[in-house]
Structures are given as structure tokens and as C-alpha cells.
N, C-alpha and C. Protein backbone atom coordinates (compact mmCIF):
# COMPACT_ATOMS: atom_id res chain seq x y z
N MET A 1 13.35 -20.93 7.58
CA MET A 1 14.23 -20.43 6.42
C MET A 1 13.72 -19.42 5.80
N LEU A 2 12.71 -18.97 5.72
CA LEU A 2 11.92 -17.78 5.01
C LEU A 2 12.00 -16.52 5.80
N THR A 3 12.39 -15.28 5.40
CA THR A 3 12.34 -14.22 6.30
C THR A 3 11.81 -13.31 6.04
N ALA A 4 11.29 -13.10 4.75
CA ALA A 4 10.32 -11.85 4.68
C ALA A 4 9.75 -12.17 3.27
N ILE A 5 8.69 -11.13 2.98
CA ILE A 5 7.99 -11.17 1.69
C ILE A 5 7.90 -9.68 1.37
N ASN A 6 7.97 -9.45 0.11
CA ASN A 6 8.22 -8.12 -0.46
C ASN A 6 7.81 -7.83 -1.88
N PRO A 7 6.04 -7.75 -1.76
CA PRO A 7 5.15 -7.96 -2.72
C PRO A 7 5.90 -6.85 -4.16
N LYS A 8 5.12 -7.57 -5.06
CA LYS A 8 5.45 -6.53 -6.39
C LYS A 8 4.63 -6.26 -7.29
N LEU A 9 4.24 -5.04 -7.10
CA LEU A 9 2.77 -4.70 -7.64
C LEU A 9 3.21 -3.77 -9.07
N PRO A 10 1.99 -3.96 -9.98
CA PRO A 10 2.08 -2.76 -11.15
C PRO A 10 2.09 -1.54 -11.14
N MET A 11 2.90 -0.61 -11.89
CA MET A 11 2.66 0.88 -11.88
C MET A 11 2.73 1.10 -13.36
N ARG A 12 1.91 2.07 -13.67
CA ARG A 12 2.04 2.74 -15.02
C ARG A 12 3.18 4.07 -15.16
N ASN A 13 3.26 4.59 -13.87
CA ASN A 13 3.97 6.11 -13.97
C ASN A 13 4.89 5.74 -12.84
N LYS A 14 5.96 5.66 -12.83
CA LYS A 14 7.02 5.81 -11.44
C LYS A 14 6.76 6.91 -10.95
N GLN A 15 6.78 7.95 -11.15
CA GLN A 15 6.69 9.48 -10.52
C GLN A 15 5.40 9.50 -9.87
N ILE A 16 4.38 8.96 -10.61
CA ILE A 16 2.97 9.44 -9.86
C ILE A 16 2.87 8.38 -8.49
N THR A 17 3.71 6.90 -8.93
CA THR A 17 3.47 6.16 -7.61
C THR A 17 4.41 6.15 -6.73
N GLN A 18 5.60 6.83 -7.07
CA GLN A 18 6.20 7.07 -5.90
C GLN A 18 6.12 8.49 -5.20
N ASP A 19 5.39 9.37 -5.73
CA ASP A 19 4.62 10.45 -5.12
C ASP A 19 3.51 10.00 -4.07
N PHE A 20 2.80 9.37 -4.63
CA PHE A 20 1.39 8.94 -4.07
C PHE A 20 1.83 8.09 -2.48
N TYR A 21 3.10 7.15 -2.75
CA TYR A 21 3.77 6.46 -1.21
C TYR A 21 4.20 7.36 -0.46
N LEU A 22 5.13 8.06 -1.10
CA LEU A 22 6.07 9.03 -0.35
C LEU A 22 5.33 10.12 0.55
N ASN A 23 4.69 10.70 -0.31
CA ASN A 23 3.54 11.90 0.20
C ASN A 23 2.42 11.76 0.77
N GLN A 24 1.70 10.22 0.27
CA GLN A 24 0.48 10.38 1.12
C GLN A 24 0.83 9.34 2.27
N LEU A 25 1.56 8.34 1.77
CA LEU A 25 1.56 6.89 3.01
C LEU A 25 2.82 7.23 3.74
N GLY A 26 3.86 7.97 3.51
CA GLY A 26 4.55 7.94 4.39
C GLY A 26 5.91 6.79 4.02
N PHE A 27 5.74 6.33 2.80
CA PHE A 27 7.10 5.56 2.64
C PHE A 27 8.52 6.31 2.23
N GLN A 28 9.40 5.68 2.11
CA GLN A 28 10.58 6.23 1.75
C GLN A 28 11.07 5.25 0.51
N ALA A 29 11.87 5.87 -0.50
CA ALA A 29 12.39 5.08 -1.13
C ALA A 29 13.69 4.65 -0.61
N PHE A 30 14.49 3.38 -1.37
CA PHE A 30 15.53 3.28 -0.94
C PHE A 30 16.98 4.32 -1.45
N GLU A 31 17.81 4.54 -0.79
CA GLU A 31 18.53 5.32 -1.25
C GLU A 31 19.34 5.00 -2.53
N ASP A 32 19.86 3.58 -2.67
CA ASP A 32 20.86 3.20 -3.60
C ASP A 32 20.22 2.59 -4.49
N ALA A 33 18.83 2.81 -4.95
CA ALA A 33 18.06 1.86 -5.77
C ALA A 33 16.88 2.47 -6.57
N ASP A 34 17.98 3.02 -7.46
CA ASP A 34 17.07 3.84 -8.69
C ASP A 34 17.40 3.31 -10.23
N PHE A 35 16.16 2.18 -10.30
CA PHE A 35 16.24 1.57 -11.24
C PHE A 35 15.11 2.12 -12.57
N GLU A 36 15.56 1.87 -13.86
CA GLU A 36 14.33 2.38 -14.62
C GLU A 36 13.46 1.43 -14.89
N GLY A 37 12.18 1.48 -14.66
CA GLY A 37 11.27 1.05 -14.45
C GLY A 37 10.83 -0.04 -13.36
N TYR A 38 11.58 0.50 -12.46
CA TYR A 38 11.27 -0.55 -11.19
C TYR A 38 11.33 0.57 -9.91
N LEU A 39 10.53 0.15 -9.00
CA LEU A 39 10.63 1.09 -7.92
C LEU A 39 10.46 0.24 -6.58
N MET A 40 11.36 0.62 -5.44
CA MET A 40 11.29 -0.05 -4.28
C MET A 40 11.24 1.12 -3.31
N LEU A 41 10.46 0.60 -2.42
CA LEU A 41 9.83 1.78 -1.03
C LEU A 41 9.63 0.72 0.08
N GLU A 42 10.07 1.19 1.37
CA GLU A 42 9.76 0.82 2.44
C GLU A 42 9.23 1.63 3.69
N LYS A 43 8.86 1.05 4.44
CA LYS A 43 7.98 1.80 5.65
C LYS A 43 8.07 1.12 6.81
N ASP A 44 8.90 1.36 8.46
CA ASP A 44 8.86 0.45 9.08
C ASP A 44 9.78 -0.68 8.98
N ASN A 45 8.80 -1.61 8.70
CA ASN A 45 9.29 -3.35 8.82
C ASN A 45 8.77 -3.76 7.18
N ILE A 46 8.25 -2.87 6.27
CA ILE A 46 7.70 -3.46 5.12
C ILE A 46 8.45 -2.86 4.16
N GLU A 47 8.42 -3.70 3.07
CA GLU A 47 8.72 -3.54 1.50
C GLU A 47 7.63 -3.58 0.67
N ILE A 48 7.79 -2.92 -0.39
CA ILE A 48 6.69 -3.03 -1.46
C ILE A 48 7.79 -2.53 -2.62
N HIS A 49 7.47 -3.56 -3.62
CA HIS A 49 8.01 -3.18 -5.00
C HIS A 49 7.33 -3.27 -6.00
N PHE A 50 7.78 -2.09 -7.03
CA PHE A 50 6.90 -1.98 -8.36
C PHE A 50 7.50 -2.13 -9.64
N PHE A 51 6.91 -2.97 -10.51
CA PHE A 51 7.29 -2.80 -12.06
C PHE A 51 6.67 -2.14 -12.84
N GLU A 52 7.30 -1.39 -13.87
CA GLU A 52 6.49 -0.70 -14.73
C GLU A 52 5.66 -1.60 -15.46
N PHE A 53 4.62 -1.11 -15.80
CA PHE A 53 3.53 -1.81 -16.60
C PHE A 53 2.88 -0.68 -17.27
N LYS A 54 2.96 -0.19 -18.28
CA LYS A 54 2.45 1.05 -19.02
C LYS A 54 1.31 0.63 -19.70
N ALA A 55 1.11 -0.56 -19.80
CA ALA A 55 -0.04 -0.68 -20.74
C ALA A 55 -1.38 -1.14 -19.63
N LEU A 56 -1.04 -1.10 -18.46
CA LEU A 56 -1.71 -1.73 -17.27
C LEU A 56 -3.18 -0.60 -17.46
N GLU A 57 -4.20 -1.69 -17.72
CA GLU A 57 -5.86 -0.99 -17.45
C GLU A 57 -6.02 -0.72 -16.34
N PRO A 58 -6.05 0.13 -14.91
CA PRO A 58 -6.53 0.27 -13.85
C PRO A 58 -7.44 -0.56 -13.50
N THR A 59 -8.83 -0.52 -14.22
CA THR A 59 -10.08 -1.47 -14.13
C THR A 59 -9.83 -2.64 -14.05
N GLU A 60 -8.80 -3.26 -14.64
CA GLU A 60 -8.54 -4.63 -14.44
C GLU A 60 -7.39 -5.13 -13.77
N ASN A 61 -6.79 -4.21 -12.94
CA ASN A 61 -5.82 -4.93 -12.03
C ASN A 61 -6.43 -5.42 -10.64
N TYR A 62 -6.04 -6.26 -10.52
CA TYR A 62 -6.28 -7.29 -9.25
C TYR A 62 -5.30 -7.13 -8.35
N GLY A 63 -4.17 -6.26 -8.25
CA GLY A 63 -3.09 -6.40 -7.49
C GLY A 63 -3.54 -5.93 -5.79
N GLN A 64 -3.17 -7.11 -5.23
CA GLN A 64 -3.63 -6.80 -3.23
C GLN A 64 -2.71 -7.17 -2.95
N VAL A 65 -2.45 -6.41 -1.49
CA VAL A 65 -1.52 -6.59 -0.58
C VAL A 65 -2.24 -6.42 0.98
N TYR A 66 -1.84 -7.38 1.95
CA TYR A 66 -2.34 -6.82 3.25
C TYR A 66 -1.76 -6.65 4.02
N ILE A 67 -1.42 -5.51 4.56
CA ILE A 67 -0.36 -4.92 5.55
C ILE A 67 -0.83 -5.28 6.95
N ARG A 68 -0.12 -5.75 7.87
CA ARG A 68 -0.63 -5.78 9.16
C ARG A 68 0.25 -4.76 9.75
N THR A 69 -0.53 -4.38 10.82
CA THR A 69 0.17 -3.17 11.78
C THR A 69 -0.40 -3.21 13.35
N ASN A 70 0.26 -2.75 13.98
CA ASN A 70 0.08 -2.62 15.45
C ASN A 70 -0.74 -1.46 15.99
N ASP A 71 -1.25 -0.37 15.29
CA ASP A 71 -1.79 0.40 15.81
C ASP A 71 -2.74 1.16 14.51
N ILE A 72 -3.59 0.35 14.23
CA ILE A 72 -4.55 0.67 12.94
C ILE A 72 -5.16 1.95 13.46
N ASP A 73 -5.56 2.34 14.41
CA ASP A 73 -6.52 3.69 14.65
C ASP A 73 -5.59 4.60 14.52
N ARG A 74 -4.63 4.80 14.82
CA ARG A 74 -3.78 5.94 14.35
C ARG A 74 -3.35 5.94 12.71
N LEU A 75 -2.93 4.85 12.41
CA LEU A 75 -2.54 4.82 11.03
C LEU A 75 -4.07 5.37 10.27
N TYR A 76 -5.44 4.83 10.68
CA TYR A 76 -6.40 5.20 9.79
C TYR A 76 -6.28 6.82 9.82
N GLN A 77 -6.34 7.32 11.44
CA GLN A 77 -6.63 8.50 11.24
C GLN A 77 -5.45 9.42 10.94
N SER A 78 -4.22 8.88 10.98
CA SER A 78 -3.11 9.75 9.96
C SER A 78 -3.44 9.91 8.73
N LEU A 79 -3.94 8.91 7.66
CA LEU A 79 -4.26 9.17 6.43
C LEU A 79 -5.44 9.91 6.12
N LEU A 80 -6.28 9.89 7.27
CA LEU A 80 -7.36 10.65 7.11
C LEU A 80 -7.17 12.43 6.96
N ASP A 81 -6.10 12.29 8.23
CA ASP A 81 -5.70 13.66 8.38
C ASP A 81 -5.06 14.26 7.11
N LYS A 82 -4.34 13.54 6.49
CA LYS A 82 -3.73 13.60 5.05
C LYS A 82 -4.68 13.62 3.88
N LYS A 83 -6.05 13.62 4.13
CA LYS A 83 -6.99 13.28 3.11
C LYS A 83 -6.48 12.19 2.01
N VAL A 84 -6.05 11.02 2.57
CA VAL A 84 -5.84 10.30 1.52
C VAL A 84 -7.11 9.30 1.41
N SER A 85 -7.80 8.88 0.14
CA SER A 85 -9.09 8.55 -0.10
C SER A 85 -8.98 6.92 0.11
N ILE A 86 -9.70 6.75 1.51
CA ILE A 86 -10.15 5.38 1.92
C ILE A 86 -11.37 4.79 0.70
N HIS A 87 -11.22 3.48 0.49
CA HIS A 87 -11.65 2.85 -0.32
C HIS A 87 -13.35 3.16 0.02
N PRO A 88 -14.34 3.00 -0.78
CA PRO A 88 -15.94 3.20 -0.39
C PRO A 88 -16.27 2.23 0.43
N ASN A 89 -15.76 0.84 -0.21
CA ASN A 89 -16.08 -0.18 0.74
C ASN A 89 -15.20 -0.76 1.73
N GLY A 90 -14.01 0.01 2.11
CA GLY A 90 -13.10 -0.23 2.95
C GLY A 90 -13.00 0.71 4.37
N GLN A 91 -14.05 0.86 4.58
CA GLN A 91 -13.86 2.10 5.95
C GLN A 91 -13.24 0.98 6.96
N LEU A 92 -12.81 1.41 8.06
CA LEU A 92 -12.20 1.25 9.17
C LEU A 92 -13.13 0.33 9.83
N LYS A 93 -13.41 -0.90 10.11
CA LYS A 93 -14.23 -2.01 11.04
C LYS A 93 -13.55 -3.21 11.16
N LEU A 94 -14.34 -3.55 12.23
CA LEU A 94 -14.22 -4.88 12.76
C LEU A 94 -14.50 -6.10 11.96
N GLN A 95 -13.84 -6.99 11.76
CA GLN A 95 -14.40 -8.07 10.64
C GLN A 95 -14.48 -9.11 11.37
N PRO A 96 -15.24 -10.27 10.77
CA PRO A 96 -16.00 -11.55 11.62
C PRO A 96 -14.95 -12.66 11.82
N TRP A 97 -13.73 -12.17 10.95
CA TRP A 97 -12.13 -12.76 11.27
C TRP A 97 -11.34 -12.73 12.36
N GLY A 98 -11.99 -11.66 13.16
CA GLY A 98 -11.01 -11.05 13.99
C GLY A 98 -9.91 -9.81 13.82
N GLN A 99 -10.09 -9.41 12.63
CA GLN A 99 -9.34 -8.13 12.30
C GLN A 99 -10.00 -6.94 12.35
N LYS A 100 -9.34 -6.14 12.78
CA LYS A 100 -10.00 -4.37 12.28
C LYS A 100 -9.09 -4.03 11.01
N GLU A 101 -9.74 -3.66 10.32
CA GLU A 101 -9.18 -3.29 8.78
C GLU A 101 -9.82 -2.09 8.18
N PHE A 102 -9.08 -1.74 6.97
CA PHE A 102 -9.62 -0.61 6.21
C PHE A 102 -8.84 -0.63 4.80
N SER A 103 -9.18 -0.21 3.82
CA SER A 103 -8.70 -0.49 2.56
C SER A 103 -8.40 0.85 1.93
N LEU A 104 -7.58 0.90 1.10
CA LEU A 104 -7.60 1.93 -0.29
C LEU A 104 -7.03 1.47 -1.50
N LEU A 105 -6.97 2.33 -2.53
CA LEU A 105 -6.21 1.91 -3.24
C LEU A 105 -5.43 2.91 -4.23
N ASP A 106 -4.55 2.63 -4.34
CA ASP A 106 -3.21 3.15 -4.86
C ASP A 106 -3.56 3.77 -6.58
N PRO A 107 -2.87 4.80 -7.03
CA PRO A 107 -3.19 5.43 -8.43
C PRO A 107 -3.33 4.24 -9.22
N ASP A 108 -2.88 3.37 -9.46
CA ASP A 108 -2.72 2.03 -10.32
C ASP A 108 -3.60 0.91 -10.06
N ASN A 109 -4.84 1.31 -8.75
CA ASN A 109 -5.95 0.45 -8.46
C ASN A 109 -5.29 -0.84 -7.80
N ASN A 110 -3.98 -0.68 -7.65
CA ASN A 110 -4.00 -1.91 -6.08
C ASN A 110 -4.61 -1.54 -4.86
N LEU A 111 -5.12 -2.69 -4.51
CA LEU A 111 -5.48 -2.87 -3.41
C LEU A 111 -4.76 -3.00 -1.98
N LEU A 112 -4.72 -2.14 -1.11
CA LEU A 112 -3.73 -2.05 -0.05
C LEU A 112 -5.01 -2.52 1.06
N THR A 113 -4.95 -3.41 1.93
CA THR A 113 -5.56 -3.48 3.03
C THR A 113 -4.61 -3.39 4.23
N PHE A 114 -5.35 -2.46 5.35
CA PHE A 114 -4.20 -2.84 6.38
C PHE A 114 -5.19 -3.34 7.43
N GLY A 115 -4.70 -4.30 8.31
CA GLY A 115 -5.59 -4.81 9.43
C GLY A 115 -4.25 -5.31 10.64
N GLN A 116 -5.13 -5.17 11.70
CA GLN A 116 -4.50 -5.68 12.81
C GLN A 116 -5.62 -6.68 13.92
N SER A 117 -4.80 -7.35 14.32
CA SER A 117 -5.69 -8.80 15.18
C SER A 117 -6.12 -8.04 16.53
N ILE A 118 -7.33 -8.11 16.62
CA ILE A 118 -8.19 -7.94 18.00
C ILE A 118 -8.31 -9.09 18.73
N THR A 119 -7.44 -10.04 18.53
CA THR A 119 -8.01 -11.40 19.66
C THR A 119 -6.73 -11.65 20.40
């Protein structure tokens, strides 16, 4: 019955969020979905939605998304090549739970963790 999940994360500024995800992470905007205070982005088989929260204090934002990938090494290197900041505690590494992972923060301090199963 369930077919997909599309997380909704807070953003303070739609243009800054859109610029980061499009130009740094390679997402695309939905062509027919330009709504005031709301942003819908997609890449490959995932969607992330954002809602405007102008009063958001980034240091108090605990928004997090775990994104699975099937080529984590290539994704990680492509982000390094674009000079995307990887979280200081989120460098690419093998985790004890059988995932190879890395993490980064978006402009509003939403944590994006990318992972690939190595089992």
C-alpha cells in the first residue's frame, strides 16, 4: 500500500535552499510546482519538500533525512569535486551497522546522511 516517502524540511529562504540543492547537490525543481513558501525538489528516485519557516534558528533545527544510494563512493567524490562541505563528523566511513555513510548540512542545518549497504 505505501509507495514512497517525501520528507518535508524547514527552510528560511526559498531561493537560498533552491540554489544549494540545485547547484550543489544536483537536484531539479518540479517544473509545474512553484508555490509561495513551499519548494519541491527531486533527484533520481527521491523527492524532498521544504516549507518556509522564516523564524527558524538553524542551531536549533534537528531536521534529518537518510538517503540511500547505490554508488556512495562516486556520489561522495562528486560532492567533494563541487567543494560541497561535508559535515566535520560525517566523513565517508564504514559504520558498524553495515552501512557506508557520509553527512552534510544544508543552509538551514538540515542533516542529510547518505548511505549504502555493504552487506
